[in-house]
Amino acid sequence: MRNRLAVALGVVAAALVVSVTAQSNVAGDWDMTIDSDQGSLSATMTFKQDGEKVTGSMPTDQITFEFEGTISDNKLELVAEIDAGGAFLEVTLEATVDGNEITGTLDFGGYGGGDITATRIQ
């Protein structure tokens, strides 16, 4: 009985180590490009990460997007609430992190969207 418990605890501990080490780190500055029907927008996005919690900001000429969300393994999911003249839009970003590259999509609260690419600034 003790041996089974020790083996089970060992398997759980190993799984936790693998999941923690497999999580991507996005903290830092990224050169991001958004390509949408309205054109292309380039900006620098800064991420902070605490475990799976991610926050970020991306200033543009018109607005600064303040994102918050999560990263699990290599899947990044962020949300920003934007005041669009009194109406609030929920902007969502869903992306995949591959080392120093991020690719994904951005949805402007059902009013369009676009593809995003980002490269970590070294």
PDB file of N, CA and C in Angstrom:
ATOM      1  N   MET A   1       0.818  -1.186   0.000  1.00  0.00           N
ATOM      2  CA  MET A   1       0.000   0.000   0.000  1.00  0.00           C
ATOM      3  C   MET A   1       0.865   1.253   0.000  1.00  0.00           C
ATOM      4  N   ARG A   2       1.914   1.268   0.824  1.00  0.00           N
ATOM      5  CA  ARG A   2       2.799   2.423   0.880  1.00  0.00           C
ATOM      6  C   ARG A   2       3.521   2.622  -0.448  1.00  0.00           C
ATOM      7  N   ASN A   3       3.918   1.518  -1.058  1.00  0.00           N
ATOM      8  CA  ASN A   3       4.620   1.618  -2.342  1.00  0.00           C
ATOM      9  C   ASN A   3       3.718   2.231  -3.405  1.00  0.00           C
ATOM     10  N   ARG A   4       2.466   1.839  -3.418  1.00  0.00           N
ATOM     11  CA  ARG A   4       1.528   2.412  -4.399  1.00  0.00           C
ATOM     12  C   ARG A   4       1.345   3.905  -4.182  1.00  0.00           C
ATOM     13  N   LEU A   5       1.226   4.312  -2.919  1.00  0.00           N
ATOM     14  CA  LEU A   5       1.080   5.726  -2.592  1.00  0.00           C
ATOM     15  C   LEU A   5       2.327   6.504  -2.997  1.00  0.00           C
ATOM     16  N   ALA A   6       3.491   5.947  -2.736  1.00  0.00           N
ATOM     17  CA  ALA A   6       4.746   6.616  -3.113  1.00  0.00           C
ATOM     18  C   ALA A   6       4.851   6.753  -4.624  1.00  0.00           C
ATOM     19  N   VAL A   7       4.477   5.726  -5.353  1.00  0.00           N
ATOM     20  CA  VAL A   7       4.514   5.778  -6.816  1.00  0.00           C
ATOM     21  C   VAL A   7       3.516   6.806  -7.329  1.00  0.00           C
ATOM     22  N   ALA A   8       2.327   6.820  -6.766  1.00  0.00           N
ATOM     23  CA  ALA A   8       1.303   7.782  -7.203  1.00  0.00           C
ATOM     24  C   ALA A   8       1.763   9.210  -6.935  1.00  0.00           C
ATOM     25  N   LEU A   9       2.321   9.472  -5.762  1.00  0.00           N
ATOM     26  CA  LEU A   9       2.827  10.810  -5.446  1.00  0.00           C
ATOM     27  C   LEU A   9       3.981  11.187  -6.371  1.00  0.00           C
ATOM     28  N   GLY A  10       4.827  10.239  -6.696  1.00  0.00           N
ATOM     29  CA  GLY A  10       5.934  10.499  -7.614  1.00  0.00           C
ATOM     30  C   GLY A  10       5.452  10.867  -9.001  1.00  0.00           C
ATOM     31  N   VAL A  11       4.420  10.187  -9.484  1.00  0.00           N
ATOM     32  CA  VAL A  11       3.849  10.493 -10.801  1.00  0.00           C
ATOM     33  C   VAL A  11       3.227  11.885 -10.810  1.00  0.00           C
ATOM     34  N   VAL A  12       2.486  12.234  -9.749  1.00  0.00           N
ATOM     35  CA  VAL A  12       1.875  13.561  -9.652  1.00  0.00           C
ATOM     36  C   VAL A  12       2.950  14.637  -9.602  1.00  0.00           C
ATOM     37  N   ALA A  13       3.990  14.434  -8.810  1.00  0.00           N
ATOM     38  CA  ALA A  13       5.076  15.417  -8.719  1.00  0.00           C
ATOM     39  C   ALA A  13       5.764  15.593 -10.063  1.00  0.00           C
ATOM     40  N   ALA A  14       6.011  14.506 -10.769  1.00  0.00           N
ATOM     41  CA  ALA A  14       6.649  14.596 -12.087  1.00  0.00           C
ATOM     42  C   ALA A  14       5.762  15.342 -13.070  1.00  0.00           C
ATOM     43  N   ALA A  15       4.465  15.111 -13.031  1.00  0.00           N
ATOM     44  CA  ALA A  15       3.532  15.811 -13.922  1.00  0.00           C
ATOM     45  C   ALA A  15       3.523  17.301 -13.633  1.00  0.00           C
ATOM     46  N   LEU A  16       3.571  17.679 -12.360  1.00  0.00           N
ATOM     47  CA  LEU A  16       3.607  19.094 -12.003  1.00  0.00           C
ATOM     48  C   LEU A  16       4.886  19.755 -12.493  1.00  0.00           C
ATOM     49  N   VAL A  17       6.008  19.086 -12.366  1.00  0.00           N
ATOM     50  CA  VAL A  17       7.276  19.636 -12.844  1.00  0.00           C
ATOM     51  C   VAL A  17       7.229  19.829 -14.348  1.00  0.00           C
ATOM     52  N   VAL A  18       6.714  18.857 -15.083  1.00  0.00           N
ATOM     53  CA  VAL A  18       6.625  18.972 -16.538  1.00  0.00           C
ATOM     54  C   VAL A  18       5.724  20.125 -16.932  1.00  0.00           C
ATOM     55  N   SER A  19       4.567  20.293 -16.268  1.00  0.00           N
ATOM     56  CA  SER A  19       3.651  21.372 -16.645  1.00  0.00           C
ATOM     57  C   SER A  19       4.231  22.735 -16.319  1.00  0.00           C
ATOM     58  N   VAL A  20       4.970  22.867 -15.225  1.00  0.00           N
ATOM     59  CA  VAL A  20       5.565  24.148 -14.874  1.00  0.00           C
ATOM     60  C   VAL A  20       6.686  24.496 -15.838  1.00  0.00           C
ATOM     61  N   THR A  21       7.521  23.531 -16.191  1.00  0.00           N
ATOM     62  CA  THR A  21       8.639  23.819 -17.079  1.00  0.00           C
ATOM     63  C   THR A  21       8.181  24.026 -18.514  1.00  0.00           C
ATOM     64  N   ALA A  22       7.028  23.501 -18.882  1.00  0.00           N
ATOM     65  CA  ALA A  22       6.555  23.638 -20.254  1.00  0.00           C
ATOM     66  C   ALA A  22       5.880  24.984 -20.505  1.00  0.00           C
ATOM     67  N   GLN A  23       5.546  25.711 -19.460  1.00  0.00           N
ATOM     68  CA  GLN A  23       4.860  26.998 -19.612  1.00  0.00           C
ATOM     69  C   GLN A  23       5.774  28.031 -20.253  1.00  0.00           C
ATOM     70  N   SER A  24       5.273  28.739 -21.225  1.00  0.00           N
ATOM     71  CA  SER A  24       6.048  29.771 -21.902  1.00  0.00           C
ATOM     72  C   SER A  24       6.189  31.004 -21.031  1.00  0.00           C
ATOM     73  N   ASN A  25       7.273  31.712 -21.216  1.00  0.00           N
ATOM     74  CA  ASN A  25       7.516  32.970 -20.517  1.00  0.00           C
ATOM     75  C   ASN A  25       7.382  34.106 -21.525  1.00  0.00           C
ATOM     76  N   VAL A  26       6.421  35.001 -21.314  1.00  0.00           N
ATOM     77  CA  VAL A  26       6.205  36.118 -22.241  1.00  0.00           C
ATOM     78  C   VAL A  26       6.618  37.456 -21.652  1.00  0.00           C
ATOM     79  N   ALA A  27       7.138  37.468 -20.427  1.00  0.00           N
ATOM     80  CA  ALA A  27       7.509  38.726 -19.785  1.00  0.00           C
ATOM     81  C   ALA A  27       8.534  39.476 -20.638  1.00  0.00           C
ATOM     82  N   GLY A  28       8.310  40.790 -20.780  1.00  0.00           N
ATOM     83  CA  GLY A  28       9.238  41.623 -21.537  1.00  0.00           C
ATOM     84  C   GLY A  28       8.540  42.399 -22.632  1.00  0.00           C
ATOM     85  N   ASP A  29       9.348  42.956 -23.525  1.00  0.00           N
ATOM     86  CA  ASP A  29       8.838  43.786 -24.620  1.00  0.00           C
ATOM     87  C   ASP A  29       8.801  43.004 -25.924  1.00  0.00           C
ATOM     88  N   TRP A  30       7.761  43.264 -26.716  1.00  0.00           N
ATOM     89  CA  TRP A  30       7.546  42.571 -27.976  1.00  0.00           C
ATOM     90  C   TRP A  30       7.187  43.584 -29.064  1.00  0.00           C
ATOM     91  N   ASP A  31       7.765  43.424 -30.244  1.00  0.00           N
ATOM     92  CA  ASP A  31       7.340  44.176 -31.424  1.00  0.00           C
ATOM     93  C   ASP A  31       6.145  43.453 -32.001  1.00  0.00           C
ATOM     94  N   MET A  32       4.966  44.114 -31.994  1.00  0.00           N
ATOM     95  CA  MET A  32       3.732  43.471 -32.432  1.00  0.00           C
ATOM     96  C   MET A  32       3.169  44.169 -33.656  1.00  0.00           C
ATOM     97  N   THR A  33       2.655  43.382 -34.587  1.00  0.00           N
ATOM     98  CA  THR A  33       1.967  43.900 -35.769  1.00  0.00           C
ATOM     99  C   THR A  33       0.582  43.281 -35.823  1.00  0.00           C
ATOM    100  N   ILE A  34      -0.419  44.148 -36.032  1.00  0.00           N
ATOM    101  CA  ILE A  34      -1.799  43.705 -36.203  1.00  0.00           C
ATOM    102  C   ILE A  34      -2.187  44.001 -37.640  1.00  0.00           C
ATOM    103  N   ASP A  35      -2.593  42.979 -38.375  1.00  0.00           N
ATOM    104  CA  ASP A  35      -3.075  43.142 -39.745  1.00  0.00           C
ATOM    105  C   ASP A  35      -4.572  42.899 -39.760  1.00  0.00           C
ATOM    106  N   SER A  36      -5.334  43.940 -40.149  1.00  0.00           N
ATOM    107  CA  SER A  36      -6.796  43.828 -40.190  1.00  0.00           C
ATOM    108  C   SER A  36      -7.310  44.424 -41.497  1.00  0.00           C
ATOM    109  N   ASP A  37      -8.631  44.382 -41.671  1.00  0.00           N
ATOM    110  CA  ASP A  37      -9.252  44.978 -42.858  1.00  0.00           C
ATOM    111  C   ASP A  37      -9.023  46.486 -42.912  1.00  0.00           C
ATOM    112  N   GLN A  38      -8.784  47.102 -41.762  1.00  0.00           N
ATOM    113  CA  GLN A  38      -8.563  48.548 -41.700  1.00  0.00           C
ATOM    114  C   GLN A  38      -7.098  48.914 -41.940  1.00  0.00           C
ATOM    115  N   GLY A  39      -6.239  47.940 -42.115  1.00  0.00           N
ATOM    116  CA  GLY A  39      -4.830  48.199 -42.372  1.00  0.00           C
ATOM    117  C   GLY A  39      -3.944  47.517 -41.359  1.00  0.00           C
ATOM    118  N   SER A  40      -2.696  47.952 -41.339  1.00  0.00           N
ATOM    119  CA  SER A  40      -1.696  47.356 -40.468  1.00  0.00           C
ATOM    120  C   SER A  40      -1.306  48.350 -39.380  1.00  0.00           C
ATOM    121  N   LEU A  41      -1.125  47.846 -38.163  1.00  0.00           N
ATOM    122  CA  LEU A  41      -0.727  48.669 -37.027  1.00  0.00           C
ATOM    123  C   LEU A  41       0.456  47.995 -36.356  1.00  0.00           C
ATOM    124  N   SER A  42       1.521  48.746 -36.141  1.00  0.00           N
ATOM    125  CA  SER A  42       2.689  48.233 -35.430  1.00  0.00           C
ATOM    126  C   SER A  42       2.820  48.965 -34.100  1.00  0.00           C
ATOM    127  N   ALA A  43       3.181  48.228 -33.069  1.00  0.00           N
ATOM    128  CA  ALA A  43       3.343  48.816 -31.742  1.00  0.00           C
ATOM    129  C   ALA A  43       4.227  47.910 -30.908  1.00  0.00           C
ATOM    130  N   THR A  44       4.686  48.439 -29.792  1.00  0.00           N
ATOM    131  CA  THR A  44       5.440  47.643 -28.831  1.00  0.00           C
ATOM    132  C   THR A  44       4.501  47.260 -27.699  1.00  0.00           C
ATOM    133  N   MET A  45       4.469  45.977 -27.380  1.00  0.00           N
ATOM    134  CA  MET A  45       3.638  45.492 -26.289  1.00  0.00           C
ATOM    135  C   MET A  45       4.552  45.010 -25.175  1.00  0.00           C
ATOM    136  N   THR A  46       4.225  45.381 -23.947  1.00  0.00           N
ATOM    137  CA  THR A  46       4.997  44.975 -22.787  1.00  0.00           C
ATOM    138  C   THR A  46       4.155  44.038 -21.937  1.00  0.00           C
ATOM    139  N   PHE A  47       4.692  42.859 -21.669  1.00  0.00           N
ATOM    140  CA  PHE A  47       4.013  41.873 -20.832  1.00  0.00           C
ATOM    141  C   PHE A  47       4.712  41.744 -19.489  1.00  0.00           C
ATOM    142  N   LYS A  48       3.905  41.516 -18.447  1.00  0.00           N
ATOM    143  CA  LYS A  48       4.384  41.097 -17.140  1.00  0.00           C
ATOM    144  C   LYS A  48       3.713  39.765 -16.857  1.00  0.00           C
ATOM    145  N   GLN A  49       4.439  38.865 -16.227  1.00  0.00           N
ATOM    146  CA  GLN A  49       3.906  37.537 -15.982  1.00  0.00           C
ATOM    147  C   GLN A  49       4.190  37.108 -14.556  1.00  0.00           C
ATOM    148  N   ASP A  50       3.154  36.541 -13.916  1.00  0.00           N
ATOM    149  CA  ASP A  50       3.272  35.969 -12.584  1.00  0.00           C
ATOM    150  C   ASP A  50       2.618  34.598 -12.639  1.00  0.00           C
ATOM    151  N   GLY A  51       3.413  33.565 -12.886  1.00  0.00           N
ATOM    152  CA  GLY A  51       2.862  32.225 -13.073  1.00  0.00           C
ATOM    153  C   GLY A  51       2.060  32.189 -14.362  1.00  0.00           C
ATOM    154  N   GLU A  52       0.775  31.844 -14.257  1.00  0.00           N
ATOM    155  CA  GLU A  52      -0.088  31.818 -15.439  1.00  0.00           C
ATOM    156  C   GLU A  52      -0.764  33.158 -15.700  1.00  0.00           C
ATOM    157  N   LYS A  53      -0.689  34.095 -14.759  1.00  0.00           N
ATOM    158  CA  LYS A  53      -1.322  35.406 -14.918  1.00  0.00           C
ATOM    159  C   LYS A  53      -0.422  36.316 -15.763  1.00  0.00           C
ATOM    160  N   VAL A  54      -1.030  36.953 -16.772  1.00  0.00           N
ATOM    161  CA  VAL A  54      -0.301  37.851 -17.660  1.00  0.00           C
ATOM    162  C   VAL A  54      -1.051  39.174 -17.745  1.00  0.00           C
ATOM    163  N   THR A  55      -0.307  40.270 -17.636  1.00  0.00           N
ATOM    164  CA  THR A  55      -0.855  41.596 -17.902  1.00  0.00           C
ATOM    165  C   THR A  55       0.019  42.238 -18.961  1.00  0.00           C
ATOM    166  N   GLY A  56      -0.571  43.171 -19.697  1.00  0.00           N
ATOM    167  CA  GLY A  56       0.207  43.816 -20.741  1.00  0.00           C
ATOM    168  C   GLY A  56      -0.381  45.147 -21.135  1.00  0.00           C
ATOM    169  N   SER A  57       0.462  45.958 -21.748  1.00  0.00           N
ATOM    170  CA  SER A  57      -0.009  47.236 -22.277  1.00  0.00           C
ATOM    171  C   SER A  57       0.602  47.447 -23.653  1.00  0.00           C
ATOM    172  N   MET A  58      -0.188  48.078 -24.527  1.00  0.00           N
ATOM    173  CA  MET A  58       0.251  48.365 -25.885  1.00  0.00           C
ATOM    174  C   MET A  58      -0.231  49.764 -26.258  1.00  0.00           C
ATOM    175  N   PRO A  59       0.657  50.761 -26.152  1.00  0.00           N
ATOM    176  CA  PRO A  59       0.254  52.119 -26.541  1.00  0.00           C
ATOM    177  C   PRO A  59       0.252  52.274 -28.059  1.00  0.00           C
ATOM    178  N   THR A  60      -0.782  52.945 -28.575  1.00  0.00           N
ATOM    179  CA  THR A  60      -0.851  53.301 -29.992  1.00  0.00           C
ATOM    180  C   THR A  60      -1.069  54.813 -30.068  1.00  0.00           C
ATOM    181  N   ASP A  61      -1.164  55.353 -31.270  1.00  0.00           N
ATOM    182  CA  ASP A  61      -1.410  56.789 -31.427  1.00  0.00           C
ATOM    183  C   ASP A  61      -2.762  57.200 -30.857  1.00  0.00           C
ATOM    184  N   GLN A  62      -3.759  56.316 -30.936  1.00  0.00           N
ATOM    185  CA  GLN A  62      -5.105  56.655 -30.505  1.00  0.00           C
ATOM    186  C   GLN A  62      -5.439  56.227 -29.080  1.00  0.00           C
ATOM    187  N   ILE A  63      -4.864  55.116 -28.634  1.00  0.00           N
ATOM    188  CA  ILE A  63      -5.296  54.523 -27.374  1.00  0.00           C
ATOM    189  C   ILE A  63      -4.188  53.625 -26.822  1.00  0.00           C
ATOM    190  N   THR A  64      -4.223  53.397 -25.521  1.00  0.00           N
ATOM    191  CA  THR A  64      -3.338  52.399 -24.917  1.00  0.00           C
ATOM    192  C   THR A  64      -4.203  51.212 -24.500  1.00  0.00           C
ATOM    193  N   PHE A  65      -3.920  50.067 -25.080  1.00  0.00           N
ATOM    194  CA  PHE A  65      -4.620  48.845 -24.714  1.00  0.00           C
ATOM    195  C   PHE A  65      -3.986  48.295 -23.447  1.00  0.00           C
ATOM    196  N   GLU A  66      -4.807  48.023 -22.417  1.00  0.00           N
ATOM    197  CA  GLU A  66      -4.360  47.395 -21.176  1.00  0.00           C
ATOM    198  C   GLU A  66      -4.989  46.011 -21.121  1.00  0.00           C
ATOM    199  N   PHE A  67      -4.181  44.978 -21.306  1.00  0.00           N
ATOM    200  CA  PHE A  67      -4.655  43.606 -21.359  1.00  0.00           C
ATOM    201  C   PHE A  67      -4.410  42.897 -20.039  1.00  0.00           C
ATOM    202  N   GLU A  68      -5.242  41.900 -19.766  1.00  0.00           N
ATOM    203  CA  GLU A  68      -4.966  40.945 -18.694  1.00  0.00           C
ATOM    204  C   GLU A  68      -5.510  39.597 -19.122  1.00  0.00           C
ATOM    205  N   GLY A  69      -4.876  38.555 -18.626  1.00  0.00           N
ATOM    206  CA  GLY A  69      -5.311  37.223 -19.015  1.00  0.00           C
ATOM    207  C   GLY A  69      -4.394  36.157 -18.471  1.00  0.00           C
ATOM    208  N   THR A  70      -4.285  35.063 -19.232  1.00  0.00           N
ATOM    209  CA  THR A  70      -3.526  33.907 -18.776  1.00  0.00           C
ATOM    210  C   THR A  70      -2.679  33.315 -19.895  1.00  0.00           C
ATOM    211  N   ILE A  71      -1.685  32.568 -19.463  1.00  0.00           N
ATOM    212  CA  ILE A  71      -0.920  31.728 -20.373  1.00  0.00           C
ATOM    213  C   ILE A  71      -0.888  30.342 -19.769  1.00  0.00           C
ATOM    214  N   SER A  72      -1.174  29.349 -20.584  1.00  0.00           N
ATOM    215  CA  SER A  72      -1.132  27.963 -20.160  1.00  0.00           C
ATOM    216  C   SER A  72      -0.380  27.200 -21.231  1.00  0.00           C
ATOM    217  N   ASP A  73       0.717  26.590 -20.836  1.00  0.00           N
ATOM    218  CA  ASP A  73       1.650  25.987 -21.782  1.00  0.00           C
ATOM    219  C   ASP A  73       2.082  27.069 -22.768  1.00  0.00           C
ATOM    220  N   ASN A  74       1.653  26.977 -24.020  1.00  0.00           N
ATOM    221  CA  ASN A  74       2.035  27.999 -25.006  1.00  0.00           C
ATOM    222  C   ASN A  74       0.822  28.772 -25.525  1.00  0.00           C
ATOM    223  N   LYS A  75      -0.314  28.655 -24.855  1.00  0.00           N
ATOM    224  CA  LYS A  75      -1.538  29.342 -25.269  1.00  0.00           C
ATOM    225  C   LYS A  75      -1.743  30.608 -24.450  1.00  0.00           C
ATOM    226  N   LEU A  76      -1.748  31.739 -25.126  1.00  0.00           N
ATOM    227  CA  LEU A  76      -1.902  33.047 -24.501  1.00  0.00           C
ATOM    228  C   LEU A  76      -3.305  33.569 -24.798  1.00  0.00           C
ATOM    229  N   GLU A  77      -4.038  33.952 -23.753  1.00  0.00           N
ATOM    230  CA  GLU A  77      -5.379  34.508 -23.896  1.00  0.00           C
ATOM    231  C   GLU A  77      -5.457  35.786 -23.083  1.00  0.00           C
ATOM    232  N   LEU A  78      -5.753  36.907 -23.760  1.00  0.00           N
ATOM    233  CA  LEU A  78      -5.802  38.207 -23.105  1.00  0.00           C
ATOM    234  C   LEU A  78      -7.096  38.927 -23.456  1.00  0.00           C
ATOM    235  N   VAL A  79      -7.540  39.810 -22.552  1.00  0.00           N
ATOM    236  CA  VAL A  79      -8.752  40.605 -22.760  1.00  0.00           C
ATOM    237  C   VAL A  79      -8.450  42.045 -22.358  1.00  0.00           C
ATOM    238  N   ALA A  80      -8.983  42.988 -23.146  1.00  0.00           N
ATOM    239  CA  ALA A  80      -8.913  44.413 -22.810  1.00  0.00           C
ATOM    240  C   ALA A  80     -10.304  44.996 -22.989  1.00  0.00           C
ATOM    241  N   GLU A  81     -10.696  45.883 -22.089  1.00  0.00           N
ATOM    242  CA  GLU A  81     -11.965  46.591 -22.234  1.00  0.00           C
ATOM    243  C   GLU A  81     -11.658  48.002 -22.700  1.00  0.00           C
ATOM    244  N   ILE A  82     -12.234  48.384 -23.838  1.00  0.00           N
ATOM    245  CA  ILE A  82     -11.930  49.656 -24.483  1.00  0.00           C
ATOM    246  C   ILE A  82     -13.171  50.541 -24.479  1.00  0.00           C
ATOM    247  N   ASP A  83     -12.998  51.801 -24.082  1.00  0.00           N
ATOM    248  CA  ASP A  83     -14.077  52.783 -24.149  1.00  0.00           C
ATOM    249  C   ASP A  83     -14.091  53.364 -25.560  1.00  0.00           C
ATOM    250  N   ALA A  84     -15.126  53.026 -26.313  1.00  0.00           N
ATOM    251  CA  ALA A  84     -15.264  53.501 -27.695  1.00  0.00           C
ATOM    252  C   ALA A  84     -16.378  54.541 -27.736  1.00  0.00           C
ATOM    253  N   GLY A  85     -16.104  55.719 -27.207  1.00  0.00           N
ATOM    254  CA  GLY A  85     -17.094  56.789 -27.211  1.00  0.00           C
ATOM    255  C   GLY A  85     -18.289  56.506 -26.337  1.00  0.00           C
ATOM    256  N   GLY A  86     -18.071  55.932 -25.171  1.00  0.00           N
ATOM    257  CA  GLY A  86     -19.161  55.638 -24.251  1.00  0.00           C
ATOM    258  C   GLY A  86     -19.658  54.211 -24.326  1.00  0.00           C
ATOM    259  N   ALA A  87     -19.369  53.518 -25.403  1.00  0.00           N
ATOM    260  CA  ALA A  87     -19.714  52.106 -25.511  1.00  0.00           C
ATOM    261  C   ALA A  87     -18.435  51.304 -25.256  1.00  0.00           C
ATOM    262  N   PHE A  88     -18.524  50.323 -24.386  1.00  0.00           N
ATOM    263  CA  PHE A  88     -17.349  49.540 -24.058  1.00  0.00           C
ATOM    264  C   PHE A  88     -17.276  48.293 -24.913  1.00  0.00           C
ATOM    265  N   LEU A  89     -16.106  48.068 -25.496  1.00  0.00           N
ATOM    266  CA  LEU A  89     -15.858  46.886 -26.316  1.00  0.00           C
ATOM    267  C   LEU A  89     -14.877  45.981 -25.600  1.00  0.00           C
ATOM    268  N   GLU A  90     -15.105  44.693 -25.695  1.00  0.00           N
ATOM    269  CA  GLU A  90     -14.169  43.727 -25.147  1.00  0.00           C
ATOM    270  C   GLU A  90     -13.293  43.222 -26.286  1.00  0.00           C
ATOM    271  N   VAL A  91     -12.022  43.569 -26.238  1.00  0.00           N
ATOM    272  CA  VAL A  91     -11.054  43.143 -27.240  1.00  0.00           C
ATOM    273  C   VAL A  91     -10.354  41.907 -26.699  1.00  0.00           C
ATOM    274  N   THR A  92     -10.347  40.825 -27.490  1.00  0.00           N
ATOM    275  CA  THR A  92      -9.706  39.589 -27.048  1.00  0.00           C
ATOM    276  C   THR A  92      -8.562  39.225 -27.971  1.00  0.00           C
ATOM    277  N   LEU A  93      -7.520  38.695 -27.391  1.00  0.00           N
ATOM    278  CA  LEU A  93      -6.361  38.217 -28.116  1.00  0.00           C
ATOM    279  C   LEU A  93      -6.177  36.756 -27.754  1.00  0.00           C
ATOM    280  N   GLU A  94      -6.106  35.901 -28.769  1.00  0.00           N
ATOM    281  CA  GLU A  94      -5.813  34.484 -28.576  1.00  0.00           C
ATOM    282  C   GLU A  94      -4.617  34.158 -29.436  1.00  0.00           C
ATOM    283  N   ALA A  95      -3.559  33.624 -28.820  1.00  0.00           N
ATOM    284  CA  ALA A  95      -2.318  33.424 -29.553  1.00  0.00           C
ATOM    285  C   ALA A  95      -1.562  32.203 -29.051  1.00  0.00           C
ATOM    286  N   THR A  96      -0.594  31.829 -29.855  1.00  0.00           N
ATOM    287  CA  THR A  96       0.319  30.748 -29.524  1.00  0.00           C
ATOM    288  C   THR A  96       1.722  31.331 -29.407  1.00  0.00           C
ATOM    289  N   VAL A  97       2.420  30.954 -28.356  1.00  0.00           N
ATOM    290  CA  VAL A  97       3.792  31.413 -28.126  1.00  0.00           C
ATOM    291  C   VAL A  97       4.737  30.294 -28.528  1.00  0.00           C
ATOM    292  N   ASP A  98       5.713  30.635 -29.370  1.00  0.00           N
ATOM    293  CA  ASP A  98       6.725  29.680 -29.808  1.00  0.00           C
ATOM    294  C   ASP A  98       8.086  30.336 -29.622  1.00  0.00           C
ATOM    295  N   GLY A  99       8.641  30.192 -28.426  1.00  0.00           N
ATOM    296  CA  GLY A  99       9.930  30.810 -28.123  1.00  0.00           C
ATOM    297  C   GLY A  99       9.820  32.323 -28.125  1.00  0.00           C
ATOM    298  N   ASN A 100      10.468  32.963 -29.086  1.00  0.00           N
ATOM    299  CA  ASN A 100      10.467  34.424 -29.201  1.00  0.00           C
ATOM    300  C   ASN A 100       9.482  34.935 -30.237  1.00  0.00           C
ATOM    301  N   GLU A 101       8.494  34.109 -30.593  1.00  0.00           N
ATOM    302  CA  GLU A 101       7.477  34.478 -31.582  1.00  0.00           C
ATOM    303  C   GLU A 101       6.084  34.244 -31.006  1.00  0.00           C
ATOM    304  N   ILE A 102       5.168  35.162 -31.319  1.00  0.00           N
ATOM    305  CA  ILE A 102       3.754  35.013 -30.963  1.00  0.00           C
ATOM    306  C   ILE A 102       2.942  35.188 -32.239  1.00  0.00           C
ATOM    307  N   THR A 103       1.985  34.296 -32.468  1.00  0.00           N
ATOM    308  CA  THR A 103       1.059  34.435 -33.591  1.00  0.00           C
ATOM    309  C   THR A 103      -0.340  34.153 -33.079  1.00  0.00           C
ATOM    310  N   GLY A 104      -1.309  34.900 -33.622  1.00  0.00           N
ATOM    311  CA  GLY A 104      -2.674  34.671 -33.190  1.00  0.00           C
ATOM    312  C   GLY A 104      -3.646  35.628 -33.818  1.00  0.00           C
ATOM    313  N   THR A 105      -4.781  35.803 -33.149  1.00  0.00           N
ATOM    314  CA  THR A 105      -5.843  36.656 -33.663  1.00  0.00           C
ATOM    315  C   THR A 105      -6.302  37.633 -32.588  1.00  0.00           C
ATOM    316  N   LEU A 106      -6.843  38.738 -33.071  1.00  0.00           N
ATOM    317  CA  LEU A 106      -7.393  39.778 -32.209  1.00  0.00           C
ATOM    318  C   LEU A 106      -8.821  40.028 -32.667  1.00  0.00           C
ATOM    319  N   ASP A 107      -9.766  40.071 -31.719  1.00  0.00           N
ATOM    320  CA  ASP A 107     -11.166  40.336 -32.037  1.00  0.00           C
ATOM    321  C   ASP A 107     -11.573  41.630 -31.343  1.00  0.00           C
ATOM    322  N   PHE A 108     -12.075  42.591 -32.125  1.00  0.00           N
ATOM    323  CA  PHE A 108     -12.476  43.895 -31.594  1.00  0.00           C
ATOM    324  C   PHE A 108     -13.946  43.888 -31.197  1.00  0.00           C
ATOM    325  N   GLY A 109     -14.313  43.049 -30.255  1.00  0.00           N
ATOM    326  CA  GLY A 109     -15.656  43.014 -29.716  1.00  0.00           C
ATOM    327  C   GLY A 109     -16.741  42.760 -30.740  1.00  0.00           C
ATOM    328  N   GLY A 110     -16.436  41.956 -31.744  1.00  0.00           N
ATOM    329  CA  GLY A 110     -17.414  41.666 -32.780  1.00  0.00           C
ATOM    330  C   GLY A 110     -17.462  42.694 -33.894  1.00  0.00           C
ATOM    331  N   TYR A 111     -16.615  43.732 -33.822  1.00  0.00           N
ATOM    332  CA  TYR A 111     -16.572  44.782 -34.844  1.00  0.00           C
ATOM    333  C   TYR A 111     -15.324  44.656 -35.706  1.00  0.00           C
ATOM    334  N   GLY A 112     -14.963  43.449 -36.020  1.00  0.00           N
ATOM    335  CA  GLY A 112     -13.772  43.219 -36.829  1.00  0.00           C
ATOM    336  C   GLY A 112     -12.694  42.554 -35.998  1.00  0.00           C
ATOM    337  N   GLY A 113     -11.586  42.369 -36.632  1.00  0.00           N
ATOM    338  CA  GLY A 113     -10.474  41.715 -35.961  1.00  0.00           C
ATOM    339  C   GLY A 113      -9.288  41.672 -36.887  1.00  0.00           C
ATOM    340  N   GLY A 114      -8.328  40.901 -36.519  1.00  0.00           N
ATOM    341  CA  GLY A 114      -7.143  40.795 -37.342  1.00  0.00           C
ATOM    342  C   GLY A 114      -6.196  39.741 -36.824  1.00  0.00           C
ATOM    343  N   ASP A 115      -5.144  39.544 -37.602  1.00  0.00           N
ATOM    344  CA  ASP A 115      -4.085  38.614 -37.235  1.00  0.00           C
ATOM    345  C   ASP A 115      -2.971  39.388 -36.551  1.00  0.00           C
ATOM    346  N   ILE A 116      -2.362  38.769 -35.558  1.00  0.00           N
ATOM    347  CA  ILE A 116      -1.244  39.413 -34.881  1.00  0.00           C
ATOM    348  C   ILE A 116       0.001  38.549 -35.008  1.00  0.00           C
ATOM    349  N   THR A 117       1.121  39.208 -35.104  1.00  0.00           N
ATOM    350  CA  THR A 117       2.418  38.563 -35.010  1.00  0.00           C
ATOM    351  C   THR A 117       3.278  39.430 -34.093  1.00  0.00           C
ATOM    352  N   ALA A 118       4.135  38.801 -33.346  1.00  0.00           N
ATOM    353  CA  ALA A 118       5.011  39.553 -32.449  1.00  0.00           C
ATOM    354  C   ALA A 118       6.347  38.828 -32.323  1.00  0.00           C
ATOM    355  N   THR A 119       7.384  39.627 -32.153  1.00  0.00           N
ATOM    356  CA  THR A 119       8.734  39.121 -31.954  1.00  0.00           C
ATOM    357  C   THR A 119       9.299  39.761 -30.694  1.00  0.00           C
ATOM    358  N   ARG A 120       9.895  38.942 -29.843  1.00  0.00           N
ATOM    359  CA  ARG A 120      10.482  39.451 -28.599  1.00  0.00           C
ATOM    360  C   ARG A 120      11.624  40.400 -28.938  1.00  0.00           C
ATOM    361  N   ILE A 121      11.666  41.532 -28.241  1.00  0.00           N
ATOM    362  CA  ILE A 121      12.749  42.493 -28.403  1.00  0.00           C
ATOM    363  C   ILE A 121      13.902  42.024 -27.530  1.00  0.00           C
ATOM    364  N   GLN A 122      15.035  41.799 -28.145  1.00  0.00           N
ATOM    365  CA  GLN A 122      16.207  41.269 -27.410  1.00  0.00           C
ATOM    366  C   GLN A 122      16.925  42.322 -26.642  1.00  0.00           C
TER     367      GLN A 122
END
